[in-house]
Amino acid sequence: MERSLLQPVSVGIVAAVVGVTSSFAVVLAGLTAAGADPAQASSGLVVLTALMGLATFWLSRRSRRPITVAWSTPGAALLATTGAVAGGWPAVVGAFLLTGALIVLTGLWGRLGSLVGSIPAPLAQAMLAGVLLPLCLAPVRALAEQPLLVAPIVVVWVVLQRFASRWAAPAAFALALGIVVLLADGWSWLQPPTLTVTAPSFSVAAVVGVALPLYVVTMASQNLPGVAVLSAAGYPVPWRQAMVVTGAGTMLGATAGAHTINLAAITAALPASPEAHPDPARRWIASQANGITCLVLAPLATTLAALVAAAPPGVIESVAGLALLGTFAAAVTGAMAVPAGAEADPAARVPAAMAFLFAAAGFAIGGIGSAFWGLAVGIVLHLVLTARRVSA
């Protein structure tokens, strides 16, 4: 391979491997908690990985820009804490379909994107932080309950956070899988890729408790930051095309258990950086390699899911929690940010604090999970307190 191609191709492969392995456990936990059985969760992972690859390849080739598509890790975390809803897994699949339709509509109708953008960023971040808190507590609890199994995973993660942070979560995941293989009875975890289709249904609880929060968290924590990352690197994102492709991809994969694909945020920075190629016009090749790598990884998702299912309690949950710590820290920081000039007002952070507490509480009212109620309470408090300051 020519030297001019070797650099972007290698960067694209690394970005794909890191992106998949660092949050694989989170996505599997989310699909399982939402009601998917092992076959349905495996199917979702296979289809998600394939859709990521296809969308990345298509968008980067059409635009000649290093656009990368990922699954919604915050969305999977939301599913993990929301749990089962009225109507079961078919209703969750229906919520995935609606989420994809909303993303497509966002690309076609500018007012919807403006409406999402008008939600105060601290409230969206507070909801995300509340959703992530129970997951990020998992390593702490598992360390107390399974110290011999979990401590090595935590140590590897900490060491690599210090010396090669990009590989911390993938290495922790690899070690966890190694532990599972050593403890497994035989080779039954070797599984061919599976595809399981579920007919969708629709319920109010799933629409309000899953689809709307999933749409908001995907837009606020993935698509908008993804645009910002690429813009900062000098690459304007073709917004309409990106939303239509990722939204349509989400709808296409929903019945197979795939929850959401979207613009990559964190991993988007690598293909768009000088590490991919000194010439900005050649960096899109890294995204092409990223897409192809995802397509290669997709058939392996079923085997990885079987390994995760065979893991002792707490082991994989620890990996998921460690992988989300950085996102949790960023969300907490963003939640506590206040508008310029409001620093002296003690009430400025109250809406975000309440949104965080409600989202973290993990309750359901009328079958609707706490993530929605957290965002709703935060918005109401924000409007009330803002009106009070204006009238004063």
Protein backbone atom coordinates (compact mmCIF):
# COMPACT_ATOMS: atom_id res chain seq x y z
CA MET A 1 0.00 0.00 0.00
CA GLU A 2 1.26 3.44 -0.89
CA ARG A 3 2.51 5.53 2.02
CA SER A 4 -0.08 8.22 1.19
CA LEU A 5 -2.84 5.65 1.71
CA LEU A 6 -1.33 3.72 4.61
CA GLN A 7 -1.66 6.60 7.08
CA PRO A 8 -5.38 7.39 6.58
CA VAL A 9 -6.33 3.72 6.24
CA SER A 10 -4.60 2.77 9.50
CA VAL A 11 -6.21 5.72 11.32
CA GLY A 12 -9.64 4.74 9.98
CA ILE A 13 -9.19 1.14 11.15
CA VAL A 14 -8.09 2.27 14.62
CA ALA A 15 -11.04 4.67 14.93
CA ALA A 16 -13.49 1.91 13.98
CA VAL A 17 -12.03 -0.66 16.37
CA VAL A 18 -11.90 1.83 19.23
CA GLY A 19 -15.41 3.10 18.53
CA VAL A 20 -16.97 -0.37 18.47
CA THR A 21 -15.10 -2.03 21.32
CA SER A 22 -15.18 0.93 23.70
CA SER A 23 -18.98 1.03 23.87
CA PHE A 24 -20.04 -2.47 22.77
CA ALA A 25 -20.95 -3.43 26.33
CA VAL A 26 -23.03 -0.27 26.77
CA VAL A 27 -25.11 -0.92 23.65
CA LEU A 28 -25.66 -4.57 24.54
CA ALA A 29 -26.72 -3.60 28.07
CA GLY A 30 -29.15 -1.02 26.68
CA LEU A 31 -30.83 -3.38 24.22
CA THR A 32 -31.09 -6.13 26.83
CA ALA A 33 -32.55 -3.82 29.48
CA ALA A 34 -35.11 -2.54 26.96
CA GLY A 35 -36.49 -6.06 26.61
CA ALA A 36 -34.48 -7.69 23.81
CA ASP A 37 -33.71 -11.38 24.25
CA PRO A 38 -30.15 -12.56 23.43
CA ALA A 39 -30.97 -13.26 19.77
CA GLN A 40 -32.67 -9.87 19.31
CA ALA A 41 -29.82 -8.01 21.04
CA SER A 42 -27.24 -9.83 18.89
CA SER A 43 -29.21 -8.99 15.78
CA GLY A 44 -29.32 -5.33 16.81
CA LEU A 45 -25.56 -5.22 17.26
CA VAL A 46 -24.86 -6.87 13.89
CA VAL A 47 -27.18 -4.47 12.07
CA LEU A 48 -25.98 -1.38 13.97
CA THR A 49 -22.34 -2.12 13.11
CA ALA A 50 -23.18 -2.76 9.46
CA LEU A 51 -25.30 0.41 9.21
CA MET A 52 -22.48 2.46 10.75
CA GLY A 53 -20.13 1.14 8.10
CA LEU A 54 -22.50 1.72 5.19
CA ALA A 55 -23.49 5.24 6.29
CA THR A 56 -19.88 6.25 6.95
CA PHE A 57 -18.75 4.93 3.58
CA TRP A 58 -21.62 6.64 1.74
CA LEU A 59 -21.41 10.06 3.42
CA SER A 60 -17.62 10.33 3.29
CA ARG A 61 -17.48 9.25 -0.35
CA ARG A 62 -20.27 11.58 -1.47
CA SER A 63 -18.92 14.62 0.37
CA ARG A 64 -15.17 13.86 0.18
CA ARG A 65 -15.04 14.83 3.87
CA PRO A 66 -14.02 12.70 6.88
CA ILE A 67 -17.58 12.13 8.11
CA THR A 68 -17.93 9.21 10.50
CA VAL A 69 -21.15 7.58 11.71
CA ALA A 70 -21.49 5.78 15.04
CA TRP A 71 -24.19 4.19 17.14
CA SER A 72 -25.72 6.34 19.87
CA THR A 73 -23.85 5.38 23.03
CA PRO A 74 -25.78 7.92 25.17
CA GLY A 75 -28.95 6.53 23.62
CA ALA A 76 -27.96 3.00 24.65
CA ALA A 77 -27.24 4.26 28.16
CA LEU A 78 -30.71 5.79 28.19
CA LEU A 79 -32.22 2.42 27.25
CA ALA A 80 -30.22 0.69 29.98
CA THR A 81 -31.72 2.91 32.67
CA THR A 82 -35.24 3.20 31.19
CA GLY A 83 -35.74 -0.56 31.07
CA ALA A 84 -38.80 -2.37 29.74
CA VAL A 85 -41.88 -0.32 28.81
CA ALA A 86 -45.55 -1.03 28.26
CA GLY A 87 -45.87 -3.08 25.09
CA GLY A 88 -42.54 -4.82 25.59
CA TRP A 89 -39.82 -5.14 22.96
CA PRO A 90 -42.17 -4.58 19.96
CA ALA A 91 -43.11 -1.18 21.42
CA VAL A 92 -39.41 -0.35 21.88
CA VAL A 93 -38.83 -1.27 18.22
CA GLY A 94 -41.67 1.07 17.31
CA ALA A 95 -39.93 3.80 19.33
CA PHE A 96 -36.73 3.18 17.34
CA LEU A 97 -38.69 3.65 14.11
CA LEU A 98 -40.16 6.91 15.35
CA THR A 99 -36.73 8.15 16.46
CA GLY A 100 -35.37 7.54 12.97
CA ALA A 101 -38.34 9.34 11.43
CA LEU A 102 -37.75 12.35 13.70
CA ILE A 103 -34.08 12.47 12.67
CA VAL A 104 -35.08 12.42 8.98
CA LEU A 105 -37.64 15.16 9.65
CA THR A 106 -34.94 17.20 11.37
CA GLY A 107 -32.91 17.16 8.19
CA LEU A 108 -35.87 18.06 5.98
CA TRP A 109 -37.56 20.61 8.26
CA GLY A 110 -35.28 23.23 9.75
CA ARG A 111 -37.76 24.30 12.44
CA LEU A 112 -37.55 20.94 14.19
CA GLY A 113 -33.78 21.23 14.40
CA SER A 114 -34.17 24.75 15.76
CA LEU A 115 -36.63 23.49 18.38
CA VAL A 116 -34.18 20.85 19.59
CA GLY A 117 -31.41 23.44 19.57
CA SER A 118 -33.56 25.73 21.74
CA ILE A 119 -33.51 23.24 24.64
CA PRO A 120 -30.96 24.74 27.06
CA ALA A 121 -27.75 22.73 26.74
CA PRO A 122 -27.31 22.37 30.53
CA LEU A 123 -30.71 20.64 30.76
CA ALA A 124 -29.91 18.15 28.00
CA GLN A 125 -26.52 17.48 29.61
CA ALA A 126 -28.14 17.11 33.05
CA MET A 127 -30.59 14.53 31.69
CA LEU A 128 -27.69 12.62 30.13
CA ALA A 129 -25.65 12.79 33.35
CA GLY A 130 -28.60 11.46 35.34
CA VAL A 131 -29.05 8.60 32.90
CA LEU A 132 -25.35 7.74 33.08
CA LEU A 133 -24.99 7.86 36.87
CA PRO A 134 -26.36 4.36 37.64
CA LEU A 135 -24.19 2.87 34.90
CA CYS A 136 -21.06 4.64 36.12
CA LEU A 137 -21.69 3.32 39.63
CA ALA A 138 -21.49 -0.26 38.31
CA PRO A 139 -17.65 -0.54 38.50
CA VAL A 140 -17.73 0.65 42.11
CA ARG A 141 -20.35 -1.89 43.13
CA ALA A 142 -18.74 -4.70 41.11
CA LEU A 143 -15.33 -3.97 42.63
CA ALA A 144 -16.82 -4.55 46.08
CA GLU A 145 -18.71 -7.70 45.05
CA GLN A 146 -16.22 -9.32 42.60
CA PRO A 147 -12.82 -7.81 43.48
CA LEU A 148 -10.69 -10.60 42.03
CA LEU A 149 -12.38 -10.38 38.63
CA VAL A 150 -13.02 -6.65 38.40
CA ALA A 151 -9.84 -5.19 39.95
CA PRO A 152 -7.56 -6.23 37.03
CA ILE A 153 -9.99 -4.60 34.58
CA VAL A 154 -9.99 -1.35 36.56
CA VAL A 155 -6.18 -1.38 36.85
CA VAL A 156 -5.72 -1.85 33.10
CA TRP A 157 -8.19 0.97 32.43
CA VAL A 158 -6.43 3.34 34.85
CA VAL A 159 -2.95 2.60 33.48
CA LEU A 160 -4.02 3.15 29.89
CA GLN A 161 -5.92 6.30 30.84
CA ARG A 162 -2.52 7.62 31.90
CA PHE A 163 -0.44 6.47 28.92
CA ALA A 164 -2.82 5.73 26.00
CA SER A 165 -6.31 6.93 26.90
CA ARG A 166 -7.73 6.11 23.48
CA TRP A 167 -7.17 2.41 24.17
CA ALA A 168 -8.30 2.34 27.82
CA ALA A 169 -11.88 1.19 27.23
CA PRO A 170 -11.05 -1.26 24.38
CA ALA A 171 -8.27 -2.84 26.49
CA ALA A 172 -10.60 -3.16 29.49
CA PHE A 173 -13.20 -4.78 27.23
CA ALA A 174 -10.62 -7.16 25.75
CA LEU A 175 -9.44 -8.20 29.23
CA ALA A 176 -13.03 -8.78 30.34
CA LEU A 177 -13.63 -10.99 27.30
CA GLY A 178 -10.41 -12.86 28.08
CA ILE A 179 -11.65 -13.52 31.59
CA VAL A 180 -14.96 -14.80 30.22
CA VAL A 181 -13.19 -17.14 27.76
CA LEU A 182 -11.06 -18.58 30.57
CA LEU A 183 -14.12 -19.20 32.71
CA ALA A 184 -16.38 -20.39 29.87
CA ASP A 185 -17.41 -24.02 29.52
CA GLY A 186 -16.27 -24.99 26.03
CA TRP A 187 -16.66 -22.99 22.85
CA SER A 188 -20.40 -22.48 22.74
CA TRP A 189 -19.85 -18.72 22.61
CA LEU A 190 -18.63 -19.00 19.01
CA GLN A 191 -21.77 -17.97 17.14
CA PRO A 192 -22.60 -17.18 13.49
CA PRO A 193 -24.20 -13.79 12.82
CA THR A 194 -27.94 -13.77 13.34
CA LEU A 195 -30.76 -11.53 12.14
CA THR A 196 -34.02 -11.42 14.09
CA VAL A 197 -36.86 -9.22 12.89
CA THR A 198 -39.56 -7.94 15.26
CA ALA A 199 -42.85 -6.46 14.09
CA PRO A 200 -43.14 -3.01 15.70
CA SER A 201 -46.01 -1.79 17.82
CA PHE A 202 -46.65 1.63 19.31
CA SER A 203 -47.58 2.69 22.81
CA VAL A 204 -47.77 6.10 24.46
CA ALA A 205 -45.28 5.00 27.12
CA ALA A 206 -42.72 3.92 24.53
CA VAL A 207 -43.18 7.02 22.39
CA VAL A 208 -42.90 9.46 25.31
CA GLY A 209 -40.52 7.46 27.49
CA VAL A 210 -38.18 6.05 24.82
CA ALA A 211 -38.53 7.72 21.41
CA LEU A 212 -38.54 11.37 22.49
CA PRO A 213 -35.68 11.11 25.05
CA LEU A 214 -33.70 8.93 22.61
CA TYR A 215 -34.16 11.54 19.88
CA VAL A 216 -33.19 14.44 22.17
CA VAL A 217 -30.12 12.73 23.61
CA THR A 218 -28.98 11.59 20.17
CA MET A 219 -29.31 15.07 18.72
CA ALA A 220 -27.86 16.92 21.72
CA SER A 221 -25.07 14.50 22.61
CA GLN A 222 -24.11 13.07 19.21
CA ASN A 223 -25.28 14.93 16.11
CA LEU A 224 -24.75 18.52 17.24
CA PRO A 225 -21.32 17.81 18.85
CA GLY A 226 -20.39 15.79 15.76
CA VAL A 227 -21.08 18.79 13.56
CA ALA A 228 -19.05 20.98 15.94
CA VAL A 229 -16.05 18.61 15.87
CA LEU A 230 -15.94 18.50 12.08
CA SER A 231 -16.55 22.25 11.74
CA ALA A 232 -13.67 22.94 14.12
CA ALA A 233 -11.46 20.81 11.85
CA GLY A 234 -12.55 22.82 8.82
CA TYR A 235 -15.17 20.47 7.38
CA PRO A 236 -18.74 21.79 7.04
CA VAL A 237 -21.21 18.93 7.44
CA PRO A 238 -23.91 18.43 4.78
CA TRP A 239 -26.60 18.59 7.46
CA ARG A 240 -29.66 17.55 5.45
CA GLN A 241 -27.93 14.62 3.81
CA ALA A 242 -26.38 13.45 7.09
CA MET A 243 -29.70 13.55 8.97
CA VAL A 244 -31.62 11.84 6.17
CA VAL A 245 -29.02 9.07 5.82
CA THR A 246 -28.66 8.39 9.54
CA GLY A 247 -32.39 8.73 10.20
CA ALA A 248 -33.30 6.44 7.31
CA GLY A 249 -30.62 3.99 8.45
CA THR A 250 -32.13 4.01 11.94
CA MET A 251 -35.57 3.27 10.49
CA LEU A 252 -34.14 0.53 8.25
CA GLY A 253 -32.45 -1.25 11.17
CA ALA A 254 -35.15 -0.71 13.80
CA THR A 255 -37.08 -3.94 13.26
CA ALA A 256 -33.81 -5.89 13.51
CA GLY A 257 -33.13 -4.34 16.95
CA ALA A 258 -30.84 -1.46 15.97
CA HIS A 259 -31.64 1.56 18.15
CA THR A 260 -29.97 4.60 16.50
CA ILE A 261 -27.08 5.62 14.27
CA ASN A 262 -25.83 9.21 14.17
CA LEU A 263 -22.84 11.41 13.47
CA ALA A 264 -19.86 10.35 15.55
CA ALA A 265 -18.72 12.89 18.12
CA ILE A 266 -15.64 11.71 20.03
CA THR A 267 -14.26 9.29 17.42
CA ALA A 268 -15.00 11.80 14.64
CA ALA A 269 -11.98 13.85 15.67
CA LEU A 270 -9.42 11.20 14.67
CA PRO A 271 -10.20 10.86 10.92
CA ALA A 272 -10.54 14.67 10.71
CA SER A 273 -7.17 15.33 12.35
CA PRO A 274 -3.66 15.66 10.86
CA GLU A 275 -2.99 12.17 12.22
CA ALA A 276 -5.13 10.87 9.35
CA HIS A 277 -3.22 12.77 6.65
CA PRO A 278 -1.23 16.02 6.39
CA ASP A 279 -3.41 17.03 3.45
CA PRO A 280 -6.97 17.87 4.63
CA ALA A 281 -8.31 16.92 1.21
CA ARG A 282 -7.13 13.31 1.71
CA ARG A 283 -8.53 12.67 5.19
CA TRP A 284 -11.85 11.38 3.90
CA ILE A 285 -9.97 8.18 3.03
CA ALA A 286 -9.71 7.49 6.77
CA SER A 287 -13.50 7.53 7.02
CA GLN A 288 -13.73 5.17 4.05
CA ALA A 289 -11.43 2.73 5.86
CA ASN A 290 -13.51 3.22 9.01
CA GLY A 291 -16.69 2.25 7.19
CA ILE A 292 -15.15 -0.83 5.61
CA THR A 293 -13.74 -1.94 8.99
CA CYS A 294 -17.20 -1.67 10.57
CA LEU A 295 -18.59 -3.90 7.82
CA VAL A 296 -15.86 -6.45 8.58
CA LEU A 297 -16.58 -6.28 12.34
CA ALA A 298 -20.36 -6.64 11.96
CA PRO A 299 -20.46 -10.48 11.62
CA LEU A 300 -18.37 -10.79 14.81
CA ALA A 301 -20.98 -8.99 16.90
CA THR A 302 -22.98 -12.17 17.61
CA THR A 303 -19.93 -13.95 19.03
CA LEU A 304 -19.05 -10.93 21.15
CA ALA A 305 -22.63 -10.76 22.41
CA ALA A 306 -22.56 -14.46 23.36
CA LEU A 307 -19.33 -13.89 25.29
CA VAL A 308 -20.84 -10.94 27.12
CA ALA A 309 -23.93 -13.00 28.00
CA ALA A 310 -21.67 -15.68 29.51
CA ALA A 311 -19.77 -13.23 31.70
CA PRO A 312 -19.96 -13.42 35.51
CA PRO A 313 -22.20 -10.75 37.07
CA GLY A 314 -20.57 -7.33 37.27
CA VAL A 315 -17.69 -7.92 34.84
CA ILE A 316 -19.16 -6.46 31.65
CA GLU A 317 -21.17 -3.89 33.61
CA SER A 318 -17.86 -2.61 34.96
CA VAL A 319 -16.47 -2.18 31.45
CA ALA A 320 -19.60 -0.28 30.41
CA GLY A 321 -19.36 2.03 33.41
CA LEU A 322 -15.66 2.73 32.86
CA ALA A 323 -16.28 3.45 29.17
CA LEU A 324 -18.91 6.04 30.11
CA LEU A 325 -16.97 7.88 32.83
CA GLY A 326 -15.56 10.47 30.43
CA THR A 327 -18.99 11.12 28.94
CA PHE A 328 -20.47 11.37 32.44
CA ALA A 329 -17.82 13.88 33.55
CA ALA A 330 -18.40 16.02 30.45
CA ALA A 331 -22.18 15.88 30.97
CA VAL A 332 -21.93 16.93 34.62
CA THR A 333 -19.63 19.80 33.66
CA GLY A 334 -22.01 20.91 30.91
CA ALA A 335 -25.03 20.58 33.21
CA MET A 336 -23.56 22.94 35.77
CA ALA A 337 -22.67 25.60 33.20
CA VAL A 338 -24.79 28.75 33.46
CA PRO A 339 -25.40 31.57 30.98
CA ALA A 340 -23.05 34.54 31.02
CA GLY A 341 -24.11 37.06 33.62
CA ALA A 342 -26.11 34.53 35.68
CA GLU A 343 -23.22 33.27 37.81
CA ALA A 344 -24.32 35.33 40.81
CA ASP A 345 -27.86 33.87 40.78
CA PRO A 346 -28.03 30.80 43.06
CA ALA A 347 -31.09 29.57 41.16
CA ALA A 348 -29.32 29.42 37.79
CA ARG A 349 -28.22 25.81 38.31
CA VAL A 350 -31.44 24.59 39.96
CA PRO A 351 -33.24 23.45 36.74
CA ALA A 352 -30.23 21.36 35.66
CA ALA A 353 -29.81 19.94 39.17
CA MET A 354 -33.46 18.87 39.26
CA ALA A 355 -33.25 17.41 35.75
CA PHE A 356 -30.21 15.42 36.86
CA LEU A 357 -31.89 14.12 40.05
CA PHE A 358 -35.11 13.14 38.29
CA ALA A 359 -33.27 11.36 35.47
CA ALA A 360 -31.00 9.52 37.91
CA ALA A 361 -33.90 8.40 40.14
CA GLY A 362 -34.88 5.62 37.74
CA PHE A 363 -38.62 5.68 38.40
CA ALA A 364 -41.51 5.50 35.94
CA ILE A 365 -44.82 7.37 36.01
CA GLY A 366 -47.54 6.02 33.77
CA GLY A 367 -44.95 3.71 32.23
CA ILE A 368 -42.82 6.68 31.17
CA GLY A 369 -39.23 6.60 32.39
CA SER A 370 -37.44 9.17 34.52
CA ALA A 371 -35.29 10.56 31.68
CA PHE A 372 -38.34 12.21 30.12
CA TRP A 373 -39.58 13.52 33.46
CA GLY A 374 -36.15 14.90 34.27
CA LEU A 375 -36.03 16.88 31.03
CA ALA A 376 -39.64 18.03 31.44
CA VAL A 377 -39.14 19.20 35.04
CA GLY A 378 -35.90 20.95 34.07
CA ILE A 379 -37.57 22.83 31.21
CA VAL A 380 -40.52 23.91 33.38
CA LEU A 381 -38.21 25.13 36.16
CA HIS A 382 -36.03 26.93 33.62
CA LEU A 383 -39.04 28.75 32.18
CA VAL A 384 -40.40 29.66 35.62
CA LEU A 385 -37.09 30.91 36.99
CA THR A 386 -36.20 32.74 33.79
CA ALA A 387 -39.57 34.48 33.83
CA ARG A 388 -38.99 35.44 37.45
CA ARG A 389 -35.63 37.01 36.66
CA VAL A 390 -37.06 38.86 33.67
CA SER A 391 -39.99 40.25 35.69
CA ALA A 392 -37.62 41.25 38.49
